Amino acid sequence: MPDPSKLRDSTQIVVPCSSLDDVRDQLEREFTVTVFPVNGTCKIIGSPVEIKAVNQFLTRHGVTIP
């Protein structure tokens, strides 16, 4: 059985919501993901393929992913 933490890592990104201020609209327009704000952090949830593409998109736009 797969390790749940590895599955979670491939289907979500957690970043401070403030880091998405300039790119959130474009992110939600270009990718099939859901952004959940929770206590100042945003969980970006999507398929492994979308999350990989979002990771690259955020990196290109200077968003640091912990």
C-alpha atoms as a PDB file:
ATOM      1  CA  MET A   1       0.000   0.000   0.000  1.00  0.00           C
ATOM      2  CA  PRO A   2       1.366   3.472  -0.876  1.00  0.00           C
ATOM      3  CA  ASP A   3       2.565   5.795   1.854  1.00  0.00           C
ATOM      4  CA  PRO A   4      -0.145   8.461   2.396  1.00  0.00           C
ATOM      5  CA  SER A   5       2.420  11.252   2.903  1.00  0.00           C
ATOM      6  CA  LYS A   6       3.945  10.573  -0.534  1.00  0.00           C
ATOM      7  CA  LEU A   7       0.487  10.708  -2.137  1.00  0.00           C
ATOM      8  CA  ARG A   8      -0.279  13.968  -0.323  1.00  0.00           C
ATOM      9  CA  ASP A   9       3.021  15.483  -1.480  1.00  0.00           C
ATOM     10  CA  SER A  10       2.136  14.706  -5.083  1.00  0.00           C
ATOM     11  CA  THR A  11      -1.377  16.173  -4.870  1.00  0.00           C
ATOM     12  CA  GLN A  12      -0.938  19.362  -2.852  1.00  0.00           C
ATOM     13  CA  ILE A  13       1.333  22.331  -2.271  1.00  0.00           C
ATOM     14  CA  VAL A  14       1.146  24.418   0.900  1.00  0.00           C
ATOM     15  CA  VAL A  15       2.422  27.997   0.777  1.00  0.00           C
ATOM     16  CA  PRO A  16       1.720  31.239   2.653  1.00  0.00           C
ATOM     17  CA  CYS A  17      -1.337  32.858   1.058  1.00  0.00           C
ATOM     18  CA  SER A  18       0.548  36.134   0.801  1.00  0.00           C
ATOM     19  CA  SER A  19       2.976  34.509  -1.656  1.00  0.00           C
ATOM     20  CA  LEU A  20       0.068  33.978  -4.066  1.00  0.00           C
ATOM     21  CA  ASP A  21      -1.136  37.595  -4.036  1.00  0.00           C
ATOM     22  CA  ASP A  22       0.203  38.407  -7.512  1.00  0.00           C
ATOM     23  CA  VAL A  23      -0.428  35.037  -9.185  1.00  0.00           C
ATOM     24  CA  ARG A  24      -3.517  33.439  -7.636  1.00  0.00           C
ATOM     25  CA  ASP A  25      -5.972  34.551 -10.338  1.00  0.00           C
ATOM     26  CA  GLN A  26      -3.677  33.365 -13.123  1.00  0.00           C
ATOM     27  CA  LEU A  27      -2.986  30.120 -11.242  1.00  0.00           C
ATOM     28  CA  GLU A  28      -6.688  29.292 -10.923  1.00  0.00           C
ATOM     29  CA  ARG A  29      -7.323  30.268 -14.553  1.00  0.00           C
ATOM     30  CA  GLU A  30      -4.513  28.191 -16.057  1.00  0.00           C
ATOM     31  CA  PHE A  31      -4.612  25.063 -13.894  1.00  0.00           C
ATOM     32  CA  THR A  32      -7.287  22.684 -12.683  1.00  0.00           C
ATOM     33  CA  VAL A  33      -6.621  23.117  -8.975  1.00  0.00           C
ATOM     34  CA  THR A  34      -8.463  24.210  -5.865  1.00  0.00           C
ATOM     35  CA  VAL A  35      -6.934  26.742  -3.486  1.00  0.00           C
ATOM     36  CA  PHE A  36      -8.015  26.439   0.164  1.00  0.00           C
ATOM     37  CA  PRO A  37      -6.938  29.237   2.502  1.00  0.00           C
ATOM     38  CA  VAL A  38      -6.429  27.971   6.081  1.00  0.00           C
ATOM     39  CA  ASN A  39      -5.017  30.241   8.812  1.00  0.00           C
ATOM     40  CA  GLY A  40      -2.730  32.253   6.541  1.00  0.00           C
ATOM     41  CA  THR A  41      -1.558  29.304   4.468  1.00  0.00           C
ATOM     42  CA  CYS A  42      -3.030  28.147   1.188  1.00  0.00           C
ATOM     43  CA  LYS A  43      -3.332  24.513   0.182  1.00  0.00           C
ATOM     44  CA  ILE A  44      -3.253  24.088  -3.574  1.00  0.00           C
ATOM     45  CA  ILE A  45      -4.837  20.741  -4.361  1.00  0.00           C
ATOM     46  CA  GLY A  46      -4.947  18.955  -7.715  1.00  0.00           C
ATOM     47  CA  SER A  47      -3.872  15.899  -9.626  1.00  0.00           C
ATOM     48  CA  PRO A  48      -0.187  14.908  -9.543  1.00  0.00           C
ATOM     49  CA  VAL A  49       0.233  16.179 -13.115  1.00  0.00           C
ATOM     50  CA  GLU A  50      -1.338  19.552 -12.293  1.00  0.00           C
ATOM     51  CA  ILE A  51       0.625  19.906  -9.054  1.00  0.00           C
ATOM     52  CA  LYS A  52       3.891  19.310 -10.911  1.00  0.00           C
ATOM     53  CA  ALA A  53       2.959  22.004 -13.447  1.00  0.00           C
ATOM     54  CA  VAL A  54       1.831  24.386 -10.675  1.00  0.00           C
ATOM     55  CA  ASN A  55       5.119  23.821  -8.868  1.00  0.00           C
ATOM     56  CA  GLN A  56       7.010  24.878 -12.005  1.00  0.00           C
ATOM     57  CA  PHE A  57       4.670  27.852 -12.526  1.00  0.00           C
ATOM     58  CA  LEU A  58       5.138  29.075  -8.950  1.00  0.00           C
ATOM     59  CA  THR A  59       8.899  28.646  -9.154  1.00  0.00           C
ATOM     60  CA  ARG A  60       9.009  30.709 -12.367  1.00  0.00           C
ATOM     61  CA  HIS A  61       7.051  33.450 -10.584  1.00  0.00           C
ATOM     62  CA  GLY A  62       9.396  33.549  -7.593  1.00  0.00           C
ATOM     63  CA  VAL A  63       7.189  31.710  -5.099  1.00  0.00           C
ATOM     64  CA  THR A  64       9.289  29.662  -2.687  1.00  0.00           C
ATOM     65  CA  ILE A  65       7.790  26.253  -1.928  1.00  0.00           C
ATOM     66  CA  PRO A  66       8.843  24.928   1.473  1.00  0.00           C
END
